[in-house]
Amino acid sequence: MSLVTTGGLTAVFARADASSASATASGGQSTGQNVAVVQNPASTAPAAAGPATPAAVAPAASTTVAAATPTGLADGTYVGAASQNRWGTVQVQMTVSAGKIADVTTLQYPDSERKSVRINQSALPVLTSEALSAQSSKIHGVSGATYTSRSYVESLQSAIDQATTAA
């Protein structure tokens, strides 16, 4: 990321702070503190003083890995509670590795009718992908699979709660 881009981002995210925005716009040097917040809000590492350089930006990549570990999830495999809905039961199993959700497997899902099977064959992979991306149960439901989506989230949250308690 160039100094011009970094300064531009700093100005955009610091508009509420008029002194920071005017210092950046007038060509003042960025401390890099706002840049670290933009790149990794969970970062607790101190920002380097001076203009942004490849060396000053490099810690953000390493803090991403470090920030992912204190998620409060203990490594292991957790089976979420079965969640009943009007079409059947949904239950997931979550695997946590290095403090991150590494995999989510659906153990049970509504499959008593052909329509349910068809809906769930397309919805469940999307829900799993969303959960892995979000690293939480705060995911978007799948249109047309509302009941399955809600039950999936409930079972996943149950597994996350178990992993949090075990941590």
N, C-alpha and C. Protein backbone atom coordinates (compact mmCIF):
# COMPACT_ATOMS: atom_id res chain seq x y z
N MET A 1 0.86 -1.15 0.00
CA MET A 1 0.00 0.00 0.00
C MET A 1 0.91 1.23 0.00
N SER A 2 0.68 2.16 -0.86
CA SER A 2 1.54 3.33 -0.93
C SER A 2 1.18 4.34 0.14
N LEU A 3 2.07 5.30 0.38
CA LEU A 3 1.84 6.34 1.36
C LEU A 3 0.64 7.19 0.96
N VAL A 4 0.46 7.41 -0.34
CA VAL A 4 -0.68 8.21 -0.80
C VAL A 4 -1.98 7.47 -0.47
N THR A 5 -2.03 6.19 -0.75
CA THR A 5 -3.23 5.41 -0.45
C THR A 5 -3.46 5.35 1.05
N THR A 6 -2.42 5.14 1.82
CA THR A 6 -2.53 5.09 3.26
C THR A 6 -3.04 6.41 3.81
N GLY A 7 -2.49 7.50 3.31
CA GLY A 7 -2.95 8.82 3.74
C GLY A 7 -4.39 9.05 3.37
N GLY A 8 -4.79 8.59 2.18
CA GLY A 8 -6.18 8.75 1.75
C GLY A 8 -7.12 7.97 2.63
N LEU A 9 -6.75 6.73 2.98
CA LEU A 9 -7.58 5.92 3.86
C LEU A 9 -7.65 6.54 5.25
N THR A 10 -6.53 7.04 5.71
CA THR A 10 -6.51 7.67 7.02
C THR A 10 -7.46 8.86 7.05
N ALA A 11 -7.44 9.66 5.99
CA ALA A 11 -8.31 10.83 5.93
C ALA A 11 -9.78 10.41 5.89
N VAL A 12 -10.09 9.36 5.16
CA VAL A 12 -11.47 8.92 5.06
C VAL A 12 -11.98 8.44 6.41
N PHE A 13 -11.19 7.62 7.11
CA PHE A 13 -11.64 7.05 8.37
C PHE A 13 -11.46 7.99 9.56
N ALA A 14 -10.80 9.10 9.37
CA ALA A 14 -10.58 10.02 10.49
C ALA A 14 -11.30 11.34 10.26
N ARG A 15 -12.32 11.38 9.42
CA ARG A 15 -13.04 12.63 9.16
C ARG A 15 -13.60 13.23 10.42
N ALA A 16 -14.04 12.42 11.35
CA ALA A 16 -14.60 12.94 12.59
C ALA A 16 -13.54 13.67 13.40
N ASP A 17 -12.30 13.30 13.24
CA ASP A 17 -11.21 13.95 13.94
C ASP A 17 -10.58 14.96 12.99
N ALA A 18 -11.01 16.20 13.06
CA ALA A 18 -10.59 17.23 12.12
C ALA A 18 -9.09 17.44 12.11
N SER A 19 -8.45 17.31 13.25
CA SER A 19 -7.01 17.55 13.28
C SER A 19 -6.25 16.47 12.51
N SER A 20 -6.68 15.22 12.62
CA SER A 20 -6.02 14.15 11.87
C SER A 20 -6.26 14.31 10.39
N ALA A 21 -7.51 14.63 10.03
CA ALA A 21 -7.84 14.77 8.61
C ALA A 21 -7.07 15.93 8.00
N SER A 22 -6.96 17.05 8.71
CA SER A 22 -6.26 18.19 8.13
C SER A 22 -4.76 17.94 8.07
N ALA A 23 -4.21 17.22 9.05
CA ALA A 23 -2.77 16.91 9.01
C ALA A 23 -2.46 16.00 7.84
N THR A 24 -3.30 15.02 7.59
CA THR A 24 -3.07 14.11 6.48
C THR A 24 -3.26 14.83 5.15
N ALA A 25 -4.29 15.66 5.04
CA ALA A 25 -4.56 16.37 3.79
C ALA A 25 -3.48 17.39 3.48
N SER A 26 -2.84 17.97 4.52
CA SER A 26 -1.82 18.98 4.28
C SER A 26 -0.45 18.35 4.02
N GLY A 27 -0.41 17.05 3.92
CA GLY A 27 0.85 16.38 3.58
C GLY A 27 1.63 15.94 4.80
N GLY A 28 1.04 16.05 5.99
CA GLY A 28 1.71 15.61 7.21
C GLY A 28 1.91 14.11 7.17
N GLN A 29 2.85 13.63 7.96
CA GLN A 29 3.12 12.20 7.96
C GLN A 29 2.09 11.48 8.81
N SER A 30 1.68 10.36 8.32
CA SER A 30 0.74 9.53 9.06
C SER A 30 1.53 8.73 10.08
N THR A 31 0.97 8.55 11.28
CA THR A 31 1.65 7.77 12.30
C THR A 31 1.48 6.28 12.07
N GLY A 32 0.54 5.92 11.21
CA GLY A 32 0.28 4.51 10.98
C GLY A 32 -0.74 3.95 11.96
N GLN A 33 -1.09 4.70 13.01
CA GLN A 33 -2.03 4.19 14.00
C GLN A 33 -3.39 3.97 13.37
N ASN A 34 -3.89 4.91 12.60
CA ASN A 34 -5.20 4.72 11.97
C ASN A 34 -5.15 3.61 10.93
N VAL A 35 -4.01 3.44 10.28
CA VAL A 35 -3.89 2.39 9.27
C VAL A 35 -4.01 1.03 9.93
N ALA A 36 -3.40 0.84 11.10
CA ALA A 36 -3.48 -0.45 11.78
C ALA A 36 -4.92 -0.76 12.17
N VAL A 37 -5.68 0.24 12.57
CA VAL A 37 -7.07 0.04 12.94
C VAL A 37 -7.88 -0.35 11.71
N VAL A 38 -7.62 0.26 10.57
CA VAL A 38 -8.36 -0.04 9.35
C VAL A 38 -8.06 -1.46 8.89
N GLN A 39 -6.79 -1.87 8.93
CA GLN A 39 -6.41 -3.18 8.42
C GLN A 39 -6.85 -4.30 9.34
N ASN A 40 -6.78 -4.10 10.65
CA ASN A 40 -7.10 -5.17 11.57
C ASN A 40 -7.64 -4.57 12.86
N PRO A 41 -8.98 -4.40 12.95
CA PRO A 41 -9.55 -3.77 14.13
C PRO A 41 -9.25 -4.51 15.42
N ALA A 42 -8.98 -5.79 15.37
CA ALA A 42 -8.73 -6.55 16.59
C ALA A 42 -7.27 -6.48 17.04
N SER A 43 -6.45 -5.78 16.29
CA SER A 43 -5.02 -5.73 16.59
C SER A 43 -4.77 -4.97 17.87
N THR A 44 -3.91 -5.53 18.71
CA THR A 44 -3.54 -4.84 19.94
C THR A 44 -2.07 -4.46 19.92
N ALA A 45 -1.38 -4.77 18.82
CA ALA A 45 0.04 -4.44 18.72
C ALA A 45 0.20 -2.94 18.53
N PRO A 46 1.21 -2.34 19.15
CA PRO A 46 1.40 -0.92 18.98
C PRO A 46 1.78 -0.61 17.54
N ALA A 47 1.30 0.52 17.04
CA ALA A 47 1.58 0.92 15.67
C ALA A 47 2.95 1.58 15.62
N ALA A 48 3.63 1.40 14.51
CA ALA A 48 4.94 2.00 14.33
C ALA A 48 4.78 3.48 13.99
N ALA A 49 5.69 4.31 14.51
CA ALA A 49 5.65 5.74 14.21
C ALA A 49 6.31 5.97 12.87
N GLY A 50 5.93 7.05 12.20
CA GLY A 50 6.52 7.41 10.92
C GLY A 50 5.63 7.00 9.78
N PRO A 51 6.08 7.28 8.57
CA PRO A 51 5.25 6.97 7.41
C PRO A 51 5.11 5.46 7.23
N ALA A 52 4.00 5.07 6.58
CA ALA A 52 3.76 3.66 6.34
C ALA A 52 4.76 3.13 5.34
N THR A 53 5.44 2.08 5.72
CA THR A 53 6.41 1.44 4.84
C THR A 53 6.08 -0.04 4.82
N PRO A 54 6.64 -0.80 3.89
CA PRO A 54 6.35 -2.23 3.92
C PRO A 54 6.68 -2.86 5.26
N ALA A 55 7.71 -2.39 5.95
CA ALA A 55 8.05 -2.95 7.26
C ALA A 55 6.98 -2.61 8.28
N ALA A 56 6.39 -1.38 8.20
CA ALA A 56 5.36 -0.98 9.15
C ALA A 56 4.04 -1.69 8.87
N VAL A 57 3.79 -2.08 7.63
CA VAL A 57 2.55 -2.75 7.27
C VAL A 57 2.64 -4.24 7.57
N ALA A 58 3.81 -4.84 7.52
CA ALA A 58 3.99 -6.27 7.71
C ALA A 58 3.40 -6.79 9.02
N PRO A 59 3.52 -6.08 10.17
CA PRO A 59 2.95 -6.62 11.40
C PRO A 59 1.44 -6.84 11.34
N ALA A 60 0.72 -6.09 10.49
CA ALA A 60 -0.72 -6.30 10.40
C ALA A 60 -1.04 -7.71 9.93
N ALA A 61 -0.24 -8.26 9.02
CA ALA A 61 -0.48 -9.62 8.55
C ALA A 61 -0.22 -10.62 9.67
N SER A 62 0.82 -10.42 10.44
CA SER A 62 1.11 -11.36 11.52
C SER A 62 0.12 -11.21 12.67
N THR A 63 -0.40 -9.99 12.91
CA THR A 63 -1.37 -9.82 13.98
C THR A 63 -2.70 -10.42 13.61
N THR A 64 -2.98 -10.60 12.32
CA THR A 64 -4.22 -11.26 11.91
C THR A 64 -4.23 -12.68 12.43
N VAL A 65 -3.13 -13.38 12.30
CA VAL A 65 -3.04 -14.75 12.80
C VAL A 65 -3.15 -14.74 14.32
N ALA A 66 -2.43 -13.83 14.98
CA ALA A 66 -2.47 -13.76 16.44
C ALA A 66 -3.85 -13.37 16.93
N ALA A 67 -4.55 -12.47 16.21
CA ALA A 67 -5.88 -12.03 16.63
C ALA A 67 -6.91 -13.13 16.47
N ALA A 68 -6.68 -14.06 15.53
CA ALA A 68 -7.64 -15.14 15.32
C ALA A 68 -7.61 -16.16 16.46
N THR A 69 -6.48 -16.30 17.14
CA THR A 69 -6.34 -17.29 18.19
C THR A 69 -7.15 -16.95 19.45
N PRO A 70 -7.18 -15.70 19.92
CA PRO A 70 -7.94 -15.43 21.15
C PRO A 70 -9.45 -15.31 20.90
N THR A 71 -10.00 -16.20 20.11
CA THR A 71 -11.43 -16.17 19.85
C THR A 71 -12.23 -16.69 21.03
N GLY A 72 -11.54 -17.33 21.94
CA GLY A 72 -12.24 -17.91 23.07
C GLY A 72 -12.79 -19.30 22.78
N LEU A 73 -12.37 -19.89 21.67
CA LEU A 73 -12.82 -21.23 21.31
C LEU A 73 -11.71 -22.24 21.57
N ALA A 74 -12.02 -23.26 22.32
CA ALA A 74 -11.05 -24.32 22.60
C ALA A 74 -11.04 -25.31 21.43
N ASP A 75 -9.85 -25.76 21.07
CA ASP A 75 -9.73 -26.74 19.99
C ASP A 75 -10.48 -28.01 20.35
N GLY A 76 -11.08 -28.61 19.34
CA GLY A 76 -11.80 -29.86 19.55
C GLY A 76 -12.98 -29.97 18.60
N THR A 77 -13.78 -31.00 18.81
CA THR A 77 -14.98 -31.23 18.01
C THR A 77 -16.19 -31.13 18.93
N TYR A 78 -17.18 -30.36 18.51
CA TYR A 78 -18.35 -30.08 19.34
C TYR A 78 -19.62 -30.36 18.55
N VAL A 79 -20.54 -31.09 19.15
CA VAL A 79 -21.82 -31.39 18.52
C VAL A 79 -22.85 -30.42 19.09
N GLY A 80 -23.45 -29.64 18.22
CA GLY A 80 -24.47 -28.68 18.64
C GLY A 80 -25.76 -29.39 19.01
N ALA A 81 -26.59 -28.71 19.75
CA ALA A 81 -27.90 -29.26 20.11
C ALA A 81 -28.75 -29.41 18.86
N ALA A 82 -29.56 -30.44 18.82
CA ALA A 82 -30.48 -30.65 17.70
C ALA A 82 -31.56 -29.57 17.78
N SER A 83 -31.82 -28.92 16.66
CA SER A 83 -32.82 -27.86 16.61
C SER A 83 -33.98 -28.28 15.73
N GLN A 84 -35.13 -28.39 16.33
CA GLN A 84 -36.34 -28.85 15.64
C GLN A 84 -37.04 -27.68 14.96
N ASN A 85 -37.49 -27.88 13.74
CA ASN A 85 -38.34 -26.89 13.07
C ASN A 85 -39.52 -27.63 12.44
N ARG A 86 -40.39 -26.93 11.75
CA ARG A 86 -41.61 -27.56 11.25
C ARG A 86 -41.35 -28.64 10.20
N TRP A 87 -40.16 -28.66 9.59
CA TRP A 87 -39.86 -29.63 8.54
C TRP A 87 -38.96 -30.76 9.01
N GLY A 88 -38.37 -30.61 10.18
CA GLY A 88 -37.49 -31.65 10.69
C GLY A 88 -36.46 -31.09 11.65
N THR A 89 -35.39 -31.82 11.85
CA THR A 89 -34.36 -31.48 12.81
C THR A 89 -33.05 -31.16 12.09
N VAL A 90 -32.35 -30.13 12.59
CA VAL A 90 -31.03 -29.80 12.07
C VAL A 90 -30.05 -29.88 13.24
N GLN A 91 -28.92 -30.54 12.99
CA GLN A 91 -27.87 -30.63 14.00
C GLN A 91 -26.52 -30.59 13.29
N VAL A 92 -25.61 -29.80 13.85
CA VAL A 92 -24.29 -29.67 13.24
C VAL A 92 -23.20 -30.10 14.22
N GLN A 93 -22.06 -30.42 13.64
CA GLN A 93 -20.85 -30.72 14.40
C GLN A 93 -19.79 -29.73 13.94
N MET A 94 -19.13 -29.08 14.88
CA MET A 94 -18.13 -28.06 14.57
C MET A 94 -16.76 -28.52 15.04
N THR A 95 -15.76 -28.33 14.20
CA THR A 95 -14.39 -28.63 14.57
C THR A 95 -13.62 -27.32 14.69
N VAL A 96 -12.94 -27.14 15.83
CA VAL A 96 -12.14 -25.94 16.08
C VAL A 96 -10.68 -26.35 16.08
N SER A 97 -9.87 -25.61 15.33
CA SER A 97 -8.44 -25.85 15.27
C SER A 97 -7.73 -24.51 15.34
N ALA A 98 -6.74 -24.40 16.20
CA ALA A 98 -5.99 -23.15 16.42
C ALA A 98 -6.93 -22.00 16.78
N GLY A 99 -7.98 -22.31 17.53
CA GLY A 99 -8.90 -21.28 17.98
C GLY A 99 -9.89 -20.80 16.94
N LYS A 100 -9.89 -21.42 15.76
CA LYS A 100 -10.78 -21.00 14.68
C LYS A 100 -11.70 -22.14 14.28
N ILE A 101 -12.87 -21.78 13.78
CA ILE A 101 -13.79 -22.80 13.26
C ILE A 101 -13.18 -23.34 11.97
N ALA A 102 -12.78 -24.59 12.00
CA ALA A 102 -12.10 -25.20 10.85
C ALA A 102 -13.08 -25.94 9.94
N ASP A 103 -14.16 -26.48 10.53
CA ASP A 103 -15.11 -27.24 9.72
C ASP A 103 -16.44 -27.29 10.45
N VAL A 104 -17.51 -27.35 9.66
CA VAL A 104 -18.85 -27.57 10.20
C VAL A 104 -19.48 -28.65 9.34
N THR A 105 -19.95 -29.70 9.99
CA THR A 105 -20.58 -30.82 9.30
C THR A 105 -22.02 -30.91 9.77
N THR A 106 -22.93 -31.12 8.84
CA THR A 106 -24.34 -31.27 9.20
C THR A 106 -24.61 -32.74 9.48
N LEU A 107 -25.01 -33.03 10.72
CA LEU A 107 -25.29 -34.40 11.13
C LEU A 107 -26.73 -34.81 10.81
N GLN A 108 -27.66 -33.87 10.99
CA GLN A 108 -29.07 -34.12 10.72
C GLN A 108 -29.65 -32.94 9.97
N TYR A 109 -30.57 -33.23 9.06
CA TYR A 109 -31.30 -32.16 8.38
C TYR A 109 -32.61 -32.75 7.85
N PRO A 110 -33.62 -31.91 7.61
CA PRO A 110 -34.89 -32.43 7.11
C PRO A 110 -34.71 -33.14 5.77
N ASP A 111 -35.12 -34.40 5.73
CA ASP A 111 -34.97 -35.17 4.49
C ASP A 111 -36.13 -36.14 4.26
N SER A 112 -37.27 -35.86 4.90
CA SER A 112 -38.40 -36.77 4.76
C SER A 112 -39.18 -36.55 3.46
N GLU A 113 -39.01 -35.42 2.82
CA GLU A 113 -39.69 -35.14 1.56
C GLU A 113 -38.66 -34.77 0.50
N ARG A 114 -38.98 -35.07 -0.75
CA ARG A 114 -38.05 -34.74 -1.85
C ARG A 114 -37.72 -33.25 -1.89
N LYS A 115 -38.72 -32.43 -1.64
CA LYS A 115 -38.50 -30.98 -1.68
C LYS A 115 -37.50 -30.56 -0.60
N SER A 116 -37.62 -31.13 0.59
CA SER A 116 -36.69 -30.83 1.68
C SER A 116 -35.27 -31.24 1.31
N VAL A 117 -35.14 -32.42 0.72
CA VAL A 117 -33.82 -32.92 0.32
C VAL A 117 -33.21 -31.96 -0.70
N ARG A 118 -33.99 -31.55 -1.70
CA ARG A 118 -33.49 -30.65 -2.75
C ARG A 118 -33.07 -29.30 -2.15
N ILE A 119 -33.90 -28.75 -1.29
CA ILE A 119 -33.60 -27.46 -0.68
C ILE A 119 -32.32 -27.55 0.15
N ASN A 120 -32.23 -28.59 0.97
CA ASN A 120 -31.09 -28.71 1.88
C ASN A 120 -29.79 -29.07 1.17
N GLN A 121 -29.88 -29.77 0.06
CA GLN A 121 -28.66 -30.08 -0.69
C GLN A 121 -28.00 -28.82 -1.22
N SER A 122 -28.78 -27.79 -1.50
CA SER A 122 -28.18 -26.54 -1.96
C SER A 122 -27.94 -25.56 -0.81
N ALA A 123 -28.79 -25.59 0.22
CA ALA A 123 -28.67 -24.61 1.31
C ALA A 123 -27.56 -24.93 2.29
N LEU A 124 -27.38 -26.19 2.65
CA LEU A 124 -26.41 -26.55 3.69
C LEU A 124 -24.97 -26.19 3.33
N PRO A 125 -24.51 -26.43 2.09
CA PRO A 125 -23.15 -25.99 1.76
C PRO A 125 -22.97 -24.47 1.85
N VAL A 126 -24.01 -23.73 1.52
CA VAL A 126 -23.94 -22.27 1.61
C VAL A 126 -23.85 -21.85 3.08
N LEU A 127 -24.66 -22.45 3.92
CA LEU A 127 -24.62 -22.12 5.35
C LEU A 127 -23.27 -22.46 5.96
N THR A 128 -22.71 -23.59 5.57
CA THR A 128 -21.39 -23.98 6.07
C THR A 128 -20.33 -22.99 5.63
N SER A 129 -20.37 -22.60 4.37
CA SER A 129 -19.41 -21.62 3.85
C SER A 129 -19.53 -20.29 4.60
N GLU A 130 -20.75 -19.86 4.85
CA GLU A 130 -20.99 -18.61 5.59
C GLU A 130 -20.41 -18.71 7.01
N ALA A 131 -20.63 -19.84 7.66
CA ALA A 131 -20.14 -20.02 9.03
C ALA A 131 -18.62 -19.99 9.08
N LEU A 132 -17.98 -20.64 8.11
CA LEU A 132 -16.52 -20.65 8.08
C LEU A 132 -15.97 -19.27 7.78
N SER A 133 -16.63 -18.52 6.92
CA SER A 133 -16.18 -17.15 6.61
C SER A 133 -16.39 -16.22 7.79
N ALA A 134 -17.55 -16.32 8.42
CA ALA A 134 -17.88 -15.41 9.53
C ALA A 134 -17.19 -15.81 10.83
N GLN A 135 -16.78 -17.08 10.94
CA GLN A 135 -16.21 -17.60 12.18
C GLN A 135 -17.15 -17.39 13.36
N SER A 136 -18.45 -17.47 13.07
CA SER A 136 -19.47 -17.32 14.11
C SER A 136 -20.79 -17.85 13.57
N SER A 137 -21.82 -17.73 14.38
CA SER A 137 -23.15 -18.14 13.93
C SER A 137 -23.92 -16.95 13.37
N LYS A 138 -23.30 -15.81 13.31
CA LYS A 138 -23.95 -14.61 12.75
C LYS A 138 -23.78 -14.64 11.24
N ILE A 139 -24.64 -15.43 10.60
CA ILE A 139 -24.54 -15.66 9.16
C ILE A 139 -25.86 -15.32 8.49
N HIS A 140 -25.79 -15.15 7.18
CA HIS A 140 -26.98 -14.89 6.39
C HIS A 140 -27.71 -16.21 6.17
N GLY A 141 -29.02 -16.18 6.28
CA GLY A 141 -29.82 -17.35 5.97
C GLY A 141 -29.92 -17.53 4.46
N VAL A 142 -30.35 -18.68 4.05
CA VAL A 142 -30.52 -18.97 2.63
C VAL A 142 -31.99 -18.79 2.28
N SER A 143 -32.25 -17.99 1.26
CA SER A 143 -33.61 -17.76 0.80
C SER A 143 -34.22 -19.08 0.34
N GLY A 144 -35.42 -19.36 0.79
CA GLY A 144 -36.07 -20.61 0.43
C GLY A 144 -35.78 -21.72 1.41
N ALA A 145 -34.87 -21.49 2.33
CA ALA A 145 -34.51 -22.48 3.35
C ALA A 145 -34.50 -21.80 4.72
N THR A 146 -35.52 -21.01 4.96
CA THR A 146 -35.58 -20.20 6.18
C THR A 146 -35.55 -21.06 7.44
N TYR A 147 -36.36 -22.10 7.50
CA TYR A 147 -36.42 -22.93 8.70
C TYR A 147 -35.10 -23.67 8.92
N THR A 148 -34.56 -24.21 7.86
CA THR A 148 -33.26 -24.89 7.96
C THR A 148 -32.19 -23.91 8.41
N SER A 149 -32.20 -22.69 7.84
CA SER A 149 -31.20 -21.67 8.20
C SER A 149 -31.27 -21.34 9.68
N ARG A 150 -32.47 -21.12 10.19
CA ARG A 150 -32.63 -20.78 11.61
C ARG A 150 -32.16 -21.93 12.51
N SER A 151 -32.55 -23.14 12.16
CA SER A 151 -32.15 -24.30 12.96
C SER A 151 -30.65 -24.53 12.89
N TYR A 152 -30.06 -24.31 11.72
CA TYR A 152 -28.61 -24.46 11.55
C TYR A 152 -27.88 -23.49 12.48
N VAL A 153 -28.33 -22.23 12.48
CA VAL A 153 -27.71 -21.20 13.33
C VAL A 153 -27.85 -21.57 14.80
N GLU A 154 -29.01 -22.07 15.21
CA GLU A 154 -29.21 -22.45 16.61
C GLU A 154 -28.27 -23.59 17.02
N SER A 155 -28.16 -24.59 16.18
CA SER A 155 -27.28 -25.72 16.49
C SER A 155 -25.82 -25.29 16.48
N LEU A 156 -25.44 -24.46 15.51
CA LEU A 156 -24.06 -23.96 15.45
C LEU A 156 -23.74 -23.12 16.68
N GLN A 157 -24.66 -22.27 17.10
CA GLN A 157 -24.42 -21.45 18.29
C GLN A 157 -24.25 -22.33 19.52
N SER A 158 -24.99 -23.41 19.59
CA SER A 158 -24.85 -24.35 20.70
C SER A 158 -23.44 -24.95 20.72
N ALA A 159 -22.93 -25.31 19.55
CA ALA A 159 -21.56 -25.85 19.47
C ALA A 159 -20.54 -24.79 19.84
N ILE A 160 -20.76 -23.56 19.39
CA ILE A 160 -19.83 -22.46 19.72
C ILE A 160 -19.84 -22.22 21.22
N ASP A 161 -21.02 -22.25 21.84
CA ASP A 161 -21.12 -22.06 23.29
C ASP A 161 -20.32 -23.14 24.04
N GLN A 162 -20.38 -24.37 23.55
CA GLN A 162 -19.61 -25.46 24.17
C GLN A 162 -18.11 -25.20 24.05
N ALA A 163 -17.68 -24.76 22.87
CA ALA A 163 -16.25 -24.49 22.64
C ALA A 163 -15.78 -23.31 23.48
N THR A 164 -16.65 -22.34 23.69
CA THR A 164 -16.31 -21.18 24.51
C THR A 164 -16.20 -21.58 25.98
N THR A 165 -17.11 -22.40 26.43
CA THR A 165 -17.08 -22.88 27.82
C THR A 165 -15.85 -23.73 28.08
N ALA A 166 -15.44 -24.51 27.09
CA ALA A 166 -14.28 -25.38 27.25
C ALA A 166 -12.96 -24.60 27.25
N ALA A 167 -12.99 -23.38 26.73
CA ALA A 167 -11.75 -22.58 26.63
C ALA A 167 -11.30 -22.06 27.97
